[in-house]
Amino acid sequence: MPTLAAFAATAILAALAVFQGALAAGAPIGQFAWGGAHTRLPIALRIGSAVSIGLYALFAVVLLDRAAVISVLPGAVSAVGAWVLFGYFVIGTGMNGISRSRAERMTMTPCCLVLAALTLAVALA
């Protein structure tokens, strides 16, 4: 189960990385992220979106390592990291849930909730 959960979480993170890349490039889909206040993100938020791509890659490495799909981190790092990510996605679920943007609430809240559940499955491994 943790392997499947790690692969599923990685697929979602990859999709989010593509989304953040589009935001960073100026795509008019800002209502789905960063509070939804901008259709096209200002430069500071575009930089934030670009940084998010790297973070998502790191998240995937932690989850895949914890699920023993890869072995690049010390065991304690991936074990603690998986729990930190679980907390991050739980907080993200709440933050997206209270967004002023309906589009963000309706898309990113369930996305974070699914990531939280998948990360919990990996963390419990």
PDB file of N, CA and C in Angstrom:
ATOM      1  N   MET A   1       0.806  -1.215   0.000  1.00  0.00           N
ATOM      2  CA  MET A   1       0.000   0.000   0.000  1.00  0.00           C
ATOM      3  C   MET A   1       0.844   1.273   0.000  1.00  0.00           C
ATOM      4  N   PRO A   2       1.937   1.347   0.804  1.00  0.00           N
ATOM      5  CA  PRO A   2       2.697   2.594   0.785  1.00  0.00           C
ATOM      6  C   PRO A   2       3.328   2.888  -0.581  1.00  0.00           C
ATOM      7  N   THR A   3       3.697   1.855  -1.310  1.00  0.00           N
ATOM      8  CA  THR A   3       4.279   2.073  -2.636  1.00  0.00           C
ATOM      9  C   THR A   3       3.255   2.698  -3.570  1.00  0.00           C
ATOM     10  N   LEU A   4       2.068   2.142  -3.598  1.00  0.00           N
ATOM     11  CA  LEU A   4       1.005   2.686  -4.439  1.00  0.00           C
ATOM     12  C   LEU A   4       0.668   4.116  -4.019  1.00  0.00           C
ATOM     13  N   ALA A   5       0.589   4.359  -2.724  1.00  0.00           N
ATOM     14  CA  ALA A   5       0.288   5.703  -2.222  1.00  0.00           C
ATOM     15  C   ALA A   5       1.387   6.685  -2.619  1.00  0.00           C
ATOM     16  N   ALA A   6       2.636   6.265  -2.538  1.00  0.00           N
ATOM     17  CA  ALA A   6       3.748   7.141  -2.914  1.00  0.00           C
ATOM     18  C   ALA A   6       3.707   7.459  -4.408  1.00  0.00           C
ATOM     19  N   PHE A   7       3.417   6.455  -5.235  1.00  0.00           N
ATOM     20  CA  PHE A   7       3.311   6.698  -6.679  1.00  0.00           C
ATOM     21  C   PHE A   7       2.147   7.629  -6.996  1.00  0.00           C
ATOM     22  N   ALA A   8       1.008   7.419  -6.338  1.00  0.00           N
ATOM     23  CA  ALA A   8      -0.153   8.276  -6.573  1.00  0.00           C
ATOM     24  C   ALA A   8       0.139   9.713  -6.141  1.00  0.00           C
ATOM     25  N   ALA A   9       0.769   9.876  -4.981  1.00  0.00           N
ATOM     26  CA  ALA A   9       1.119  11.224  -4.509  1.00  0.00           C
ATOM     27  C   ALA A   9       2.106  11.884  -5.467  1.00  0.00           C
ATOM     28  N   THR A  10       3.063  11.111  -5.957  1.00  0.00           N
ATOM     29  CA  THR A  10       4.041  11.651  -6.905  1.00  0.00           C
ATOM     30  C   THR A  10       3.363  12.104  -8.193  1.00  0.00           C
ATOM     31  N   ALA A  11       2.387  11.348  -8.657  1.00  0.00           N
ATOM     32  CA  ALA A  11       1.649  11.740  -9.867  1.00  0.00           C
ATOM     33  C   ALA A  11       0.897  13.048  -9.648  1.00  0.00           C
ATOM     34  N   ILE A  12       0.273  13.190  -8.494  1.00  0.00           N
ATOM     35  CA  ILE A  12      -0.445  14.435  -8.185  1.00  0.00           C
ATOM     36  C   ILE A  12       0.543  15.595  -8.066  1.00  0.00           C
ATOM     37  N   LEU A  13       1.674  15.359  -7.410  1.00  0.00           N
ATOM     38  CA  LEU A  13       2.682  16.406  -7.279  1.00  0.00           C
ATOM     39  C   LEU A  13       3.235  16.813  -8.646  1.00  0.00           C
ATOM     40  N   ALA A  14       3.391  15.845  -9.541  1.00  0.00           N
ATOM     41  CA  ALA A  14       3.855  16.160 -10.899  1.00  0.00           C
ATOM     42  C   ALA A  14       2.833  17.033 -11.625  1.00  0.00           C
ATOM     43  N   ALA A  15       1.557  16.701 -11.477  1.00  0.00           N
ATOM     44  CA  ALA A  15       0.510  17.513 -12.100  1.00  0.00           C
ATOM     45  C   ALA A  15       0.506  18.930 -11.508  1.00  0.00           C
ATOM     46  N   LEU A  16       0.690  19.027 -10.205  1.00  0.00           N
ATOM     47  CA  LEU A  16       0.760  20.344  -9.567  1.00  0.00           C
ATOM     48  C   LEU A  16       1.991  21.121 -10.030  1.00  0.00           C
ATOM     49  N   ALA A  17       3.089  20.416 -10.283  1.00  0.00           N
ATOM     50  CA  ALA A  17       4.294  21.081 -10.793  1.00  0.00           C
ATOM     51  C   ALA A  17       4.039  21.671 -12.180  1.00  0.00           C
ATOM     52  N   VAL A  18       3.332  20.936 -13.022  1.00  0.00           N
ATOM     53  CA  VAL A  18       2.977  21.462 -14.346  1.00  0.00           C
ATOM     54  C   VAL A  18       2.078  22.691 -14.187  1.00  0.00           C
ATOM     55  N   PHE A  19       1.118  22.607 -13.302  1.00  0.00           N
ATOM     56  CA  PHE A  19       0.221  23.731 -13.021  1.00  0.00           C
ATOM     57  C   PHE A  19       1.013  24.951 -12.547  1.00  0.00           C
ATOM     58  N   GLN A  20       1.927  24.738 -11.591  1.00  0.00           N
ATOM     59  CA  GLN A  20       2.732  25.846 -11.080  1.00  0.00           C
ATOM     60  C   GLN A  20       3.651  26.410 -12.168  1.00  0.00           C
ATOM     61  N   GLY A  21       4.134  25.545 -13.048  1.00  0.00           N
ATOM     62  CA  GLY A  21       4.940  26.014 -14.172  1.00  0.00           C
ATOM     63  C   GLY A  21       4.144  26.922 -15.090  1.00  0.00           C
ATOM     64  N   ALA A  22       2.900  26.540 -15.327  1.00  0.00           N
ATOM     65  CA  ALA A  22       2.028  27.384 -16.153  1.00  0.00           C
ATOM     66  C   ALA A  22       1.786  28.729 -15.474  1.00  0.00           C
ATOM     67  N   LEU A  23       1.559  28.710 -14.160  1.00  0.00           N
ATOM     68  CA  LEU A  23       1.383  29.961 -13.427  1.00  0.00           C
ATOM     69  C   LEU A  23       2.634  30.824 -13.507  1.00  0.00           C
ATOM     70  N   ALA A  24       3.794  30.202 -13.331  1.00  0.00           N
ATOM     71  CA  ALA A  24       5.061  30.935 -13.378  1.00  0.00           C
ATOM     72  C   ALA A  24       5.291  31.543 -14.758  1.00  0.00           C
ATOM     73  N   ALA A  25       4.795  30.873 -15.785  1.00  0.00           N
ATOM     74  CA  ALA A  25       4.954  31.369 -17.154  1.00  0.00           C
ATOM     75  C   ALA A  25       3.925  32.433 -17.515  1.00  0.00           C
ATOM     76  N   GLY A  26       2.973  32.682 -16.631  1.00  0.00           N
ATOM     77  CA  GLY A  26       2.002  33.742 -16.873  1.00  0.00           C
ATOM     78  C   GLY A  26       0.653  33.292 -17.384  1.00  0.00           C
ATOM     79  N   ALA A  27       0.361  32.011 -17.302  1.00  0.00           N
ATOM     80  CA  ALA A  27      -0.948  31.524 -17.751  1.00  0.00           C
ATOM     81  C   ALA A  27      -2.052  32.192 -16.926  1.00  0.00           C
ATOM     82  N   PRO A  28      -3.184  32.487 -17.547  1.00  0.00           N
ATOM     83  CA  PRO A  28      -4.277  33.191 -16.850  1.00  0.00           C
ATOM     84  C   PRO A  28      -5.147  32.237 -16.020  1.00  0.00           C
ATOM     85  N   ILE A  29      -4.519  31.540 -15.088  1.00  0.00           N
ATOM     86  CA  ILE A  29      -5.236  30.577 -14.249  1.00  0.00           C
ATOM     87  C   ILE A  29      -4.982  30.839 -12.763  1.00  0.00           C
ATOM     88  N   GLY A  30      -4.653  32.072 -12.451  1.00  0.00           N
ATOM     89  CA  GLY A  30      -4.320  32.432 -11.081  1.00  0.00           C
ATOM     90  C   GLY A  30      -5.451  32.300 -10.088  1.00  0.00           C
ATOM     91  N   GLN A  31      -6.677  32.224 -10.562  1.00  0.00           N
ATOM     92  CA  GLN A  31      -7.812  32.082  -9.640  1.00  0.00           C
ATOM     93  C   GLN A  31      -7.779  30.743  -8.895  1.00  0.00           C
ATOM     94  N   PHE A  32      -6.942  29.817  -9.360  1.00  0.00           N
ATOM     95  CA  PHE A  32      -6.847  28.494  -8.739  1.00  0.00           C
ATOM     96  C   PHE A  32      -5.735  28.412  -7.696  1.00  0.00           C
ATOM     97  N   ALA A  33      -4.985  29.497  -7.480  1.00  0.00           N
ATOM     98  CA  ALA A  33      -3.834  29.416  -6.581  1.00  0.00           C
ATOM     99  C   ALA A  33      -3.559  30.751  -5.905  1.00  0.00           C
ATOM    100  N   TRP A  34      -2.770  30.688  -4.840  1.00  0.00           N
ATOM    101  CA  TRP A  34      -2.277  31.879  -4.155  1.00  0.00           C
ATOM    102  C   TRP A  34      -3.410  32.803  -3.727  1.00  0.00           C
ATOM    103  N   GLY A  35      -4.521  32.246  -3.317  1.00  0.00           N
ATOM    104  CA  GLY A  35      -5.651  33.043  -2.853  1.00  0.00           C
ATOM    105  C   GLY A  35      -6.603  33.480  -3.947  1.00  0.00           C
ATOM    106  N   GLY A  36      -6.227  33.247  -5.204  1.00  0.00           N
ATOM    107  CA  GLY A  36      -7.112  33.517  -6.325  1.00  0.00           C
ATOM    108  C   GLY A  36      -7.341  34.974  -6.649  1.00  0.00           C
ATOM    109  N   ALA A  37      -6.520  35.875  -6.107  1.00  0.00           N
ATOM    110  CA  ALA A  37      -6.748  37.301  -6.307  1.00  0.00           C
ATOM    111  C   ALA A  37      -6.315  37.806  -7.683  1.00  0.00           C
ATOM    112  N   HIS A  38      -5.471  37.034  -8.371  1.00  0.00           N
ATOM    113  CA  HIS A  38      -4.928  37.495  -9.649  1.00  0.00           C
ATOM    114  C   HIS A  38      -5.206  36.457 -10.739  1.00  0.00           C
ATOM    115  N   THR A  39      -5.644  36.927 -11.895  1.00  0.00           N
ATOM    116  CA  THR A  39      -5.794  36.010 -13.025  1.00  0.00           C
ATOM    117  C   THR A  39      -4.414  35.604 -13.529  1.00  0.00           C
ATOM    118  N   ARG A  40      -3.565  36.591 -13.759  1.00  0.00           N
ATOM    119  CA  ARG A  40      -2.147  36.356 -14.079  1.00  0.00           C
ATOM    120  C   ARG A  40      -1.356  36.802 -12.855  1.00  0.00           C
ATOM    121  N   LEU A  41      -0.489  35.943 -12.384  1.00  0.00           N
ATOM    122  CA  LEU A  41       0.229  36.245 -11.148  1.00  0.00           C
ATOM    123  C   LEU A  41       1.245  37.371 -11.333  1.00  0.00           C
ATOM    124  N   PRO A  42       1.397  38.211 -10.295  1.00  0.00           N
ATOM    125  CA  PRO A  42       2.488  39.184 -10.309  1.00  0.00           C
ATOM    126  C   PRO A  42       3.829  38.448 -10.166  1.00  0.00           C
ATOM    127  N   ILE A  43       4.915  39.133 -10.422  1.00  0.00           N
ATOM    128  CA  ILE A  43       6.227  38.499 -10.484  1.00  0.00           C
ATOM    129  C   ILE A  43       6.592  37.766  -9.186  1.00  0.00           C
ATOM    130  N   ALA A  44       6.287  38.326  -8.051  1.00  0.00           N
ATOM    131  CA  ALA A  44       6.638  37.675  -6.786  1.00  0.00           C
ATOM    132  C   ALA A  44       5.943  36.316  -6.654  1.00  0.00           C
ATOM    133  N   LEU A  45       4.683  36.245  -7.039  1.00  0.00           N
ATOM    134  CA  LEU A  45       3.966  34.970  -6.960  1.00  0.00           C
ATOM    135  C   LEU A  45       4.416  34.012  -8.056  1.00  0.00           C
ATOM    136  N   ARG A  46       4.846  34.543  -9.191  1.00  0.00           N
ATOM    137  CA  ARG A  46       5.402  33.676 -10.243  1.00  0.00           C
ATOM    138  C   ARG A  46       6.682  33.013  -9.740  1.00  0.00           C
ATOM    139  N   ILE A  47       7.490  33.778  -9.028  1.00  0.00           N
ATOM    140  CA  ILE A  47       8.699  33.204  -8.435  1.00  0.00           C
ATOM    141  C   ILE A  47       8.310  32.140  -7.409  1.00  0.00           C
ATOM    142  N   GLY A  48       7.297  32.422  -6.608  1.00  0.00           N
ATOM    143  CA  GLY A  48       6.793  31.428  -5.647  1.00  0.00           C
ATOM    144  C   GLY A  48       6.337  30.161  -6.334  1.00  0.00           C
ATOM    145  N   SER A  49       5.672  30.294  -7.467  1.00  0.00           N
ATOM    146  CA  SER A  49       5.238  29.119  -8.227  1.00  0.00           C
ATOM    147  C   SER A  49       6.435  28.333  -8.739  1.00  0.00           C
ATOM    148  N   ALA A  50       7.461  29.030  -9.209  1.00  0.00           N
ATOM    149  CA  ALA A  50       8.667  28.349  -9.692  1.00  0.00           C
ATOM    150  C   ALA A  50       9.359  27.597  -8.555  1.00  0.00           C
ATOM    151  N   VAL A  51       9.426  28.210  -7.386  1.00  0.00           N
ATOM    152  CA  VAL A  51      10.020  27.551  -6.221  1.00  0.00           C
ATOM    153  C   VAL A  51       9.195  26.327  -5.834  1.00  0.00           C
ATOM    154  N   SER A  52       7.879  26.421  -5.956  1.00  0.00           N
ATOM    155  CA  SER A  52       6.994  25.301  -5.623  1.00  0.00           C
ATOM    156  C   SER A  52       7.338  24.050  -6.420  1.00  0.00           C
ATOM    157  N   ILE A  53       7.748  24.233  -7.661  1.00  0.00           N
ATOM    158  CA  ILE A  53       8.095  23.083  -8.505  1.00  0.00           C
ATOM    159  C   ILE A  53       9.230  22.289  -7.869  1.00  0.00           C
ATOM    160  N   GLY A  54      10.251  22.983  -7.412  1.00  0.00           N
ATOM    161  CA  GLY A  54      11.364  22.308  -6.740  1.00  0.00           C
ATOM    162  C   GLY A  54      10.942  21.640  -5.445  1.00  0.00           C
ATOM    163  N   LEU A  55      10.070  22.313  -4.703  1.00  0.00           N
ATOM    164  CA  LEU A  55       9.573  21.722  -3.462  1.00  0.00           C
ATOM    165  C   LEU A  55       8.777  20.452  -3.735  1.00  0.00           C
ATOM    166  N   TYR A  56       7.940  20.469  -4.759  1.00  0.00           N
ATOM    167  CA  TYR A  56       7.162  19.277  -5.092  1.00  0.00           C
ATOM    168  C   TYR A  56       8.076  18.114  -5.447  1.00  0.00           C
ATOM    169  N   ALA A  57       9.169  18.404  -6.142  1.00  0.00           N
ATOM    170  CA  ALA A  57      10.126  17.349  -6.465  1.00  0.00           C
ATOM    171  C   ALA A  57      10.747  16.786  -5.186  1.00  0.00           C
ATOM    172  N   LEU A  58      11.109  17.651  -4.261  1.00  0.00           N
ATOM    173  CA  LEU A  58      11.650  17.203  -2.982  1.00  0.00           C
ATOM    174  C   LEU A  58      10.622  16.376  -2.210  1.00  0.00           C
ATOM    175  N   PHE A  59       9.364  16.822  -2.215  1.00  0.00           N
ATOM    176  CA  PHE A  59       8.303  16.067  -1.540  1.00  0.00           C
ATOM    177  C   PHE A  59       8.203  14.651  -2.115  1.00  0.00           C
ATOM    178  N   ALA A  60       8.261  14.560  -3.433  1.00  0.00           N
ATOM    179  CA  ALA A  60       8.162  13.252  -4.083  1.00  0.00           C
ATOM    180  C   ALA A  60       9.330  12.358  -3.678  1.00  0.00           C
ATOM    181  N   VAL A  61      10.527  12.921  -3.609  1.00  0.00           N
ATOM    182  CA  VAL A  61      11.697  12.134  -3.194  1.00  0.00           C
ATOM    183  C   VAL A  61      11.501  11.606  -1.781  1.00  0.00           C
ATOM    184  N   VAL A  62      11.041  12.446  -0.879  1.00  0.00           N
ATOM    185  CA  VAL A  62      10.808  12.011   0.506  1.00  0.00           C
ATOM    186  C   VAL A  62       9.800  10.864   0.544  1.00  0.00           C
ATOM    187  N   LEU A  63       8.691  11.008  -0.163  1.00  0.00           N
ATOM    188  CA  LEU A  63       7.650   9.979  -0.132  1.00  0.00           C
ATOM    189  C   LEU A  63       8.107   8.679  -0.793  1.00  0.00           C
ATOM    190  N   LEU A  64       8.777   8.798  -1.918  1.00  0.00           N
ATOM    191  CA  LEU A  64       9.269   7.594  -2.598  1.00  0.00           C
ATOM    192  C   LEU A  64      10.351   6.897  -1.776  1.00  0.00           C
ATOM    193  N   ASP A  65      11.177   7.675  -1.090  1.00  0.00           N
ATOM    194  CA  ASP A  65      12.194   7.083  -0.219  1.00  0.00           C
ATOM    195  C   ASP A  65      11.545   6.380   0.967  1.00  0.00           C
ATOM    196  N   ARG A  66      10.575   7.026   1.574  1.00  0.00           N
ATOM    197  CA  ARG A  66       9.884   6.420   2.736  1.00  0.00           C
ATOM    198  C   ARG A  66       9.177   5.124   2.346  1.00  0.00           C
ATOM    199  N   ALA A  67       8.665   5.065   1.115  1.00  0.00           N
ATOM    200  CA  ALA A  67       7.973   3.862   0.636  1.00  0.00           C
ATOM    201  C   ALA A  67       8.953   2.823   0.097  1.00  0.00           C
ATOM    202  N   ALA A  68      10.241   3.102   0.208  1.00  0.00           N
ATOM    203  CA  ALA A  68      11.304   2.181  -0.223  1.00  0.00           C
ATOM    204  C   ALA A  68      11.309   1.937  -1.731  1.00  0.00           C
ATOM    205  N   VAL A  69      10.823   2.905  -2.488  1.00  0.00           N
ATOM    206  CA  VAL A  69      10.896   2.827  -3.951  1.00  0.00           C
ATOM    207  C   VAL A  69      12.290   3.256  -4.395  1.00  0.00           C
ATOM    208  N   ILE A  70      12.837   4.266  -3.714  1.00  0.00           N
ATOM    209  CA  ILE A  70      14.205   4.710  -3.939  1.00  0.00           C
ATOM    210  C   ILE A  70      14.901   4.747  -2.591  1.00  0.00           C
ATOM    211  N   SER A  71      16.211   4.875  -2.603  1.00  0.00           N
ATOM    212  CA  SER A  71      16.960   4.959  -1.352  1.00  0.00           C
ATOM    213  C   SER A  71      18.035   6.030  -1.500  1.00  0.00           C
ATOM    214  N   VAL A  72      17.674   7.265  -1.187  1.00  0.00           N
ATOM    215  CA  VAL A  72      18.611   8.372  -1.309  1.00  0.00           C
ATOM    216  C   VAL A  72      18.731   9.185  -0.016  1.00  0.00           C
ATOM    217  N   LEU A  73      17.848   8.944   0.930  1.00  0.00           N
ATOM    218  CA  LEU A  73      17.845   9.690   2.184  1.00  0.00           C
ATOM    219  C   LEU A  73      18.060   8.734   3.350  1.00  0.00           C
ATOM    220  N   PRO A  74      18.648   9.229   4.434  1.00  0.00           N
ATOM    221  CA  PRO A  74      18.683   8.401   5.637  1.00  0.00           C
ATOM    222  C   PRO A  74      17.252   8.080   6.084  1.00  0.00           C
ATOM    223  N   GLY A  75      17.062   6.893   6.616  1.00  0.00           N
ATOM    224  CA  GLY A  75      15.728   6.446   7.009  1.00  0.00           C
ATOM    225  C   GLY A  75      14.997   7.419   7.912  1.00  0.00           C
ATOM    226  N   ALA A  76      15.716   8.000   8.866  1.00  0.00           N
ATOM    227  CA  ALA A  76      15.071   8.925   9.795  1.00  0.00           C
ATOM    228  C   ALA A  76      14.598  10.184   9.074  1.00  0.00           C
ATOM    229  N   VAL A  77      15.334  10.615   8.062  1.00  0.00           N
ATOM    230  CA  VAL A  77      14.950  11.817   7.320  1.00  0.00           C
ATOM    231  C   VAL A  77      13.651  11.582   6.563  1.00  0.00           C
ATOM    232  N   SER A  78      13.552  10.451   5.875  1.00  0.00           N
ATOM    233  CA  SER A  78      12.318  10.195   5.126  1.00  0.00           C
ATOM    234  C   SER A  78      11.153   9.895   6.065  1.00  0.00           C
ATOM    235  N   ALA A  79      11.425   9.244   7.199  1.00  0.00           N
ATOM    236  CA  ALA A  79      10.348   8.950   8.144  1.00  0.00           C
ATOM    237  C   ALA A  79       9.778  10.237   8.739  1.00  0.00           C
ATOM    238  N   VAL A  80      10.647  11.104   9.234  1.00  0.00           N
ATOM    239  CA  VAL A  80      10.193  12.376   9.803  1.00  0.00           C
ATOM    240  C   VAL A  80       9.630  13.257   8.697  1.00  0.00           C
ATOM    241  N   GLY A  81      10.296  13.263   7.554  1.00  0.00           N
ATOM    242  CA  GLY A  81       9.840  14.077   6.424  1.00  0.00           C
ATOM    243  C   GLY A  81       8.432  13.727   5.985  1.00  0.00           C
ATOM    244  N   ALA A  82       8.101  12.445   5.970  1.00  0.00           N
ATOM    245  CA  ALA A  82       6.753  12.030   5.573  1.00  0.00           C
ATOM    246  C   ALA A  82       5.713  12.584   6.550  1.00  0.00           C
ATOM    247  N   TRP A  83       6.031  12.564   7.835  1.00  0.00           N
ATOM    248  CA  TRP A  83       5.089  13.106   8.826  1.00  0.00           C
ATOM    249  C   TRP A  83       4.976  14.630   8.706  1.00  0.00           C
ATOM    250  N   VAL A  84       6.086  15.288   8.427  1.00  0.00           N
ATOM    251  CA  VAL A  84       6.047  16.740   8.219  1.00  0.00           C
ATOM    252  C   VAL A  84       5.172  17.059   6.998  1.00  0.00           C
ATOM    253  N   LEU A  85       5.341  16.284   5.930  1.00  0.00           N
ATOM    254  CA  LEU A  85       4.521  16.500   4.734  1.00  0.00           C
ATOM    255  C   LEU A  85       3.047  16.241   5.021  1.00  0.00           C
ATOM    256  N   PHE A  86       2.759  15.230   5.810  1.00  0.00           N
ATOM    257  CA  PHE A  86       1.366  14.971   6.185  1.00  0.00           C
ATOM    258  C   PHE A  86       0.780  16.211   6.867  1.00  0.00           C
ATOM    259  N   GLY A  87       1.506  16.763   7.834  1.00  0.00           N
ATOM    260  CA  GLY A  87       1.037  17.973   8.513  1.00  0.00           C
ATOM    261  C   GLY A  87       0.886  19.143   7.559  1.00  0.00           C
ATOM    262  N   TYR A  88       1.829  19.280   6.649  1.00  0.00           N
ATOM    263  CA  TYR A  88       1.780  20.348   5.648  1.00  0.00           C
ATOM    264  C   TYR A  88       0.523  20.238   4.789  1.00  0.00           C
ATOM    265  N   PHE A  89       0.213  19.018   4.348  1.00  0.00           N
ATOM    266  CA  PHE A  89      -0.971  18.843   3.499  1.00  0.00           C
ATOM    267  C   PHE A  89      -2.271  19.000   4.289  1.00  0.00           C
ATOM    268  N   VAL A  90      -2.266  18.641   5.560  1.00  0.00           N
ATOM    269  CA  VAL A  90      -3.446  18.882   6.398  1.00  0.00           C
ATOM    270  C   VAL A  90      -3.674  20.387   6.538  1.00  0.00           C
ATOM    271  N   ILE A  91      -2.602  21.126   6.826  1.00  0.00           N
ATOM    272  CA  ILE A  91      -2.718  22.587   6.927  1.00  0.00           C
ATOM    273  C   ILE A  91      -3.136  23.172   5.577  1.00  0.00           C
ATOM    274  N   GLY A  92      -2.554  22.658   4.499  1.00  0.00           N
ATOM    275  CA  GLY A  92      -2.916  23.123   3.154  1.00  0.00           C
ATOM    276  C   GLY A  92      -4.380  22.899   2.839  1.00  0.00           C
ATOM    277  N   THR A  93      -4.913  21.782   3.313  1.00  0.00           N
ATOM    278  CA  THR A  93      -6.335  21.503   3.114  1.00  0.00           C
ATOM    279  C   THR A  93      -7.179  22.594   3.781  1.00  0.00           C
ATOM    280  N   GLY A  94      -6.814  22.916   5.002  1.00  0.00           N
ATOM    281  CA  GLY A  94      -7.547  23.968   5.711  1.00  0.00           C
ATOM    282  C   GLY A  94      -7.390  25.334   5.075  1.00  0.00           C
ATOM    283  N   MET A  95      -6.175  25.654   4.680  1.00  0.00           N
ATOM    284  CA  MET A  95      -5.919  26.966   4.072  1.00  0.00           C
ATOM    285  C   MET A  95      -6.648  27.111   2.739  1.00  0.00           C
ATOM    286  N   ASN A  96      -6.620  26.065   1.930  1.00  0.00           N
ATOM    287  CA  ASN A  96      -7.356  26.127   0.667  1.00  0.00           C
ATOM    288  C   ASN A  96      -8.858  26.159   0.906  1.00  0.00           C
ATOM    289  N   GLY A  97      -9.282  25.500   1.961  1.00  0.00           N
ATOM    290  CA  GLY A  97     -10.703  25.466   2.283  1.00  0.00           C
ATOM    291  C   GLY A  97     -11.274  26.808   2.680  1.00  0.00           C
ATOM    292  N   ILE A  98     -10.427  27.706   3.160  1.00  0.00           N
ATOM    293  CA  ILE A  98     -10.910  29.030   3.557  1.00  0.00           C
ATOM    294  C   ILE A  98     -10.535  30.113   2.540  1.00  0.00           C
ATOM    295  N   SER A  99     -10.020  29.706   1.406  1.00  0.00           N
ATOM    296  CA  SER A  99      -9.643  30.675   0.372  1.00  0.00           C
ATOM    297  C   SER A  99     -10.856  31.493  -0.061  1.00  0.00           C
ATOM    298  N   ARG A 100     -10.612  32.739  -0.407  1.00  0.00           N
ATOM    299  CA  ARG A 100     -11.678  33.594  -0.943  1.00  0.00           C
ATOM    300  C   ARG A 100     -12.067  33.180  -2.353  1.00  0.00           C
ATOM    301  N   SER A 101     -11.170  32.447  -3.002  1.00  0.00           N
ATOM    302  CA  SER A 101     -11.423  32.027  -4.375  1.00  0.00           C
ATOM    303  C   SER A 101     -12.197  30.710  -4.399  1.00  0.00           C
ATOM    304  N   ARG A 102     -13.394  30.766  -4.950  1.00  0.00           N
ATOM    305  CA  ARG A 102     -14.193  29.541  -5.074  1.00  0.00           C
ATOM    306  C   ARG A 102     -13.465  28.495  -5.914  1.00  0.00           C
ATOM    307  N   ALA A 103     -12.814  28.930  -6.991  1.00  0.00           N
ATOM    308  CA  ALA A 103     -12.090  28.000  -7.859  1.00  0.00           C
ATOM    309  C   ALA A 103     -10.998  27.279  -7.076  1.00  0.00           C
ATOM    310  N   GLU A 104     -10.266  28.005  -6.253  1.00  0.00           N
ATOM    311  CA  GLU A 104      -9.214  27.393  -5.447  1.00  0.00           C
ATOM    312  C   GLU A 104      -9.808  26.455  -4.407  1.00  0.00           C
ATOM    313  N   ARG A 105     -10.874  26.876  -3.748  1.00  0.00           N
ATOM    314  CA  ARG A 105     -11.518  26.018  -2.739  1.00  0.00           C
ATOM    315  C   ARG A 105     -11.994  24.709  -3.351  1.00  0.00           C
ATOM    316  N   MET A 106     -12.597  24.795  -4.528  1.00  0.00           N
ATOM    317  CA  MET A 106     -13.207  23.610  -5.148  1.00  0.00           C
ATOM    318  C   MET A 106     -12.183  22.652  -5.769  1.00  0.00           C
ATOM    319  N   THR A 107     -10.995  23.137  -6.093  1.00  0.00           N
ATOM    320  CA  THR A 107      -9.994  22.266  -6.724  1.00  0.00           C
ATOM    321  C   THR A 107      -8.855  21.902  -5.783  1.00  0.00           C
ATOM    322  N   MET A 108      -8.294  22.888  -5.133  1.00  0.00           N
ATOM    323  CA  MET A 108      -7.099  22.632  -4.334  1.00  0.00           C
ATOM    324  C   MET A 108      -7.393  22.019  -2.972  1.00  0.00           C
ATOM    325  N   THR A 109      -8.567  22.285  -2.419  1.00  0.00           N
ATOM    326  CA  THR A 109      -8.905  21.662  -1.136  1.00  0.00           C
ATOM    327  C   THR A 109      -8.973  20.148  -1.271  1.00  0.00           C
ATOM    328  N   PRO A 110      -9.729  19.604  -2.241  1.00  0.00           N
ATOM    329  CA  PRO A 110      -9.723  18.139  -2.366  1.00  0.00           C
ATOM    330  C   PRO A 110      -8.357  17.593  -2.769  1.00  0.00           C
ATOM    331  N   CYS A 111      -7.619  18.344  -3.552  1.00  0.00           N
ATOM    332  CA  CYS A 111      -6.282  17.904  -3.963  1.00  0.00           C
ATOM    333  C   CYS A 111      -5.385  17.744  -2.725  1.00  0.00           C
ATOM    334  N   CYS A 112      -5.379  18.737  -1.851  1.00  0.00           N
ATOM    335  CA  CYS A 112      -4.576  18.656  -0.627  1.00  0.00           C
ATOM    336  C   CYS A 112      -5.076  17.552   0.300  1.00  0.00           C
ATOM    337  N   LEU A 113      -6.377  17.372   0.353  1.00  0.00           N
ATOM    338  CA  LEU A 113      -6.935  16.318   1.196  1.00  0.00           C
ATOM    339  C   LEU A 113      -6.477  14.945   0.719  1.00  0.00           C
ATOM    340  N   VAL A 114      -6.512  14.723  -0.579  1.00  0.00           N
ATOM    341  CA  VAL A 114      -6.040  13.448  -1.134  1.00  0.00           C
ATOM    342  C   VAL A 114      -4.547  13.281  -0.861  1.00  0.00           C
ATOM    343  N   LEU A 115      -3.770  14.344  -1.051  1.00  0.00           N
ATOM    344  CA  LEU A 115      -2.336  14.267  -0.761  1.00  0.00           C
ATOM    345  C   LEU A 115      -2.084  13.972   0.715  1.00  0.00           C
ATOM    346  N   ALA A 116      -2.886  14.552   1.592  1.00  0.00           N
ATOM    347  CA  ALA A 116      -2.744  14.262   3.026  1.00  0.00           C
ATOM    348  C   ALA A 116      -3.010  12.786   3.306  1.00  0.00           C
ATOM    349  N   ALA A 117      -4.061  12.242   2.723  1.00  0.00           N
ATOM    350  CA  ALA A 117      -4.386  10.829   2.946  1.00  0.00           C
ATOM    351  C   ALA A 117      -3.302   9.911   2.388  1.00  0.00           C
ATOM    352  N   LEU A 118      -2.819  10.209   1.196  1.00  0.00           N
ATOM    353  CA  LEU A 118      -1.762   9.391   0.598  1.00  0.00           C
ATOM    354  C   LEU A 118      -0.474   9.489   1.405  1.00  0.00           C
ATOM    355  N   THR A 119      -0.162  10.690   1.860  1.00  0.00           N
ATOM    356  CA  THR A 119       1.051  10.881   2.661  1.00  0.00           C
ATOM    357  C   THR A 119       0.931  10.169   4.000  1.00  0.00           C
ATOM    358  N   LEU A 120      -0.242  10.173   4.588  1.00  0.00           N
ATOM    359  CA  LEU A 120      -0.449   9.423   5.832  1.00  0.00           C
ATOM    360  C   LEU A 120      -0.189   7.943   5.607  1.00  0.00           C
ATOM    361  N   ALA A 121      -0.676   7.407   4.501  1.00  0.00           N
ATOM    362  CA  ALA A 121      -0.437   5.981   4.197  1.00  0.00           C
ATOM    363  C   ALA A 121       1.052   5.683   4.069  1.00  0.00           C
ATOM    364  N   VAL A 122       1.783   6.612   3.473  1.00  0.00           N
ATOM    365  CA  VAL A 122       3.236   6.428   3.344  1.00  0.00           C
ATOM    366  C   VAL A 122       3.918   6.593   4.697  1.00  0.00           C
ATOM    367  N   ALA A 123       3.532   7.599   5.452  1.00  0.00           N
ATOM    368  CA  ALA A 123       4.161   7.854   6.748  1.00  0.00           C
ATOM    369  C   ALA A 123       3.974   6.699   7.726  1.00  0.00           C
ATOM    370  N   LEU A 124       2.839   6.036   7.640  1.00  0.00           N
ATOM    371  CA  LEU A 124       2.563   4.906   8.534  1.00  0.00           C
ATOM    372  C   LEU A 124       3.336   3.643   8.167  1.00  0.00           C
ATOM    373  N   ALA A 125       3.979   3.638   7.008  1.00  0.00           N
ATOM    374  CA  ALA A 125       4.703   2.444   6.541  1.00  0.00           C
ATOM    375  C   ALA A 125       5.835   2.080   7.486  1.00  0.00           C
TER     376      ALA A 125
END
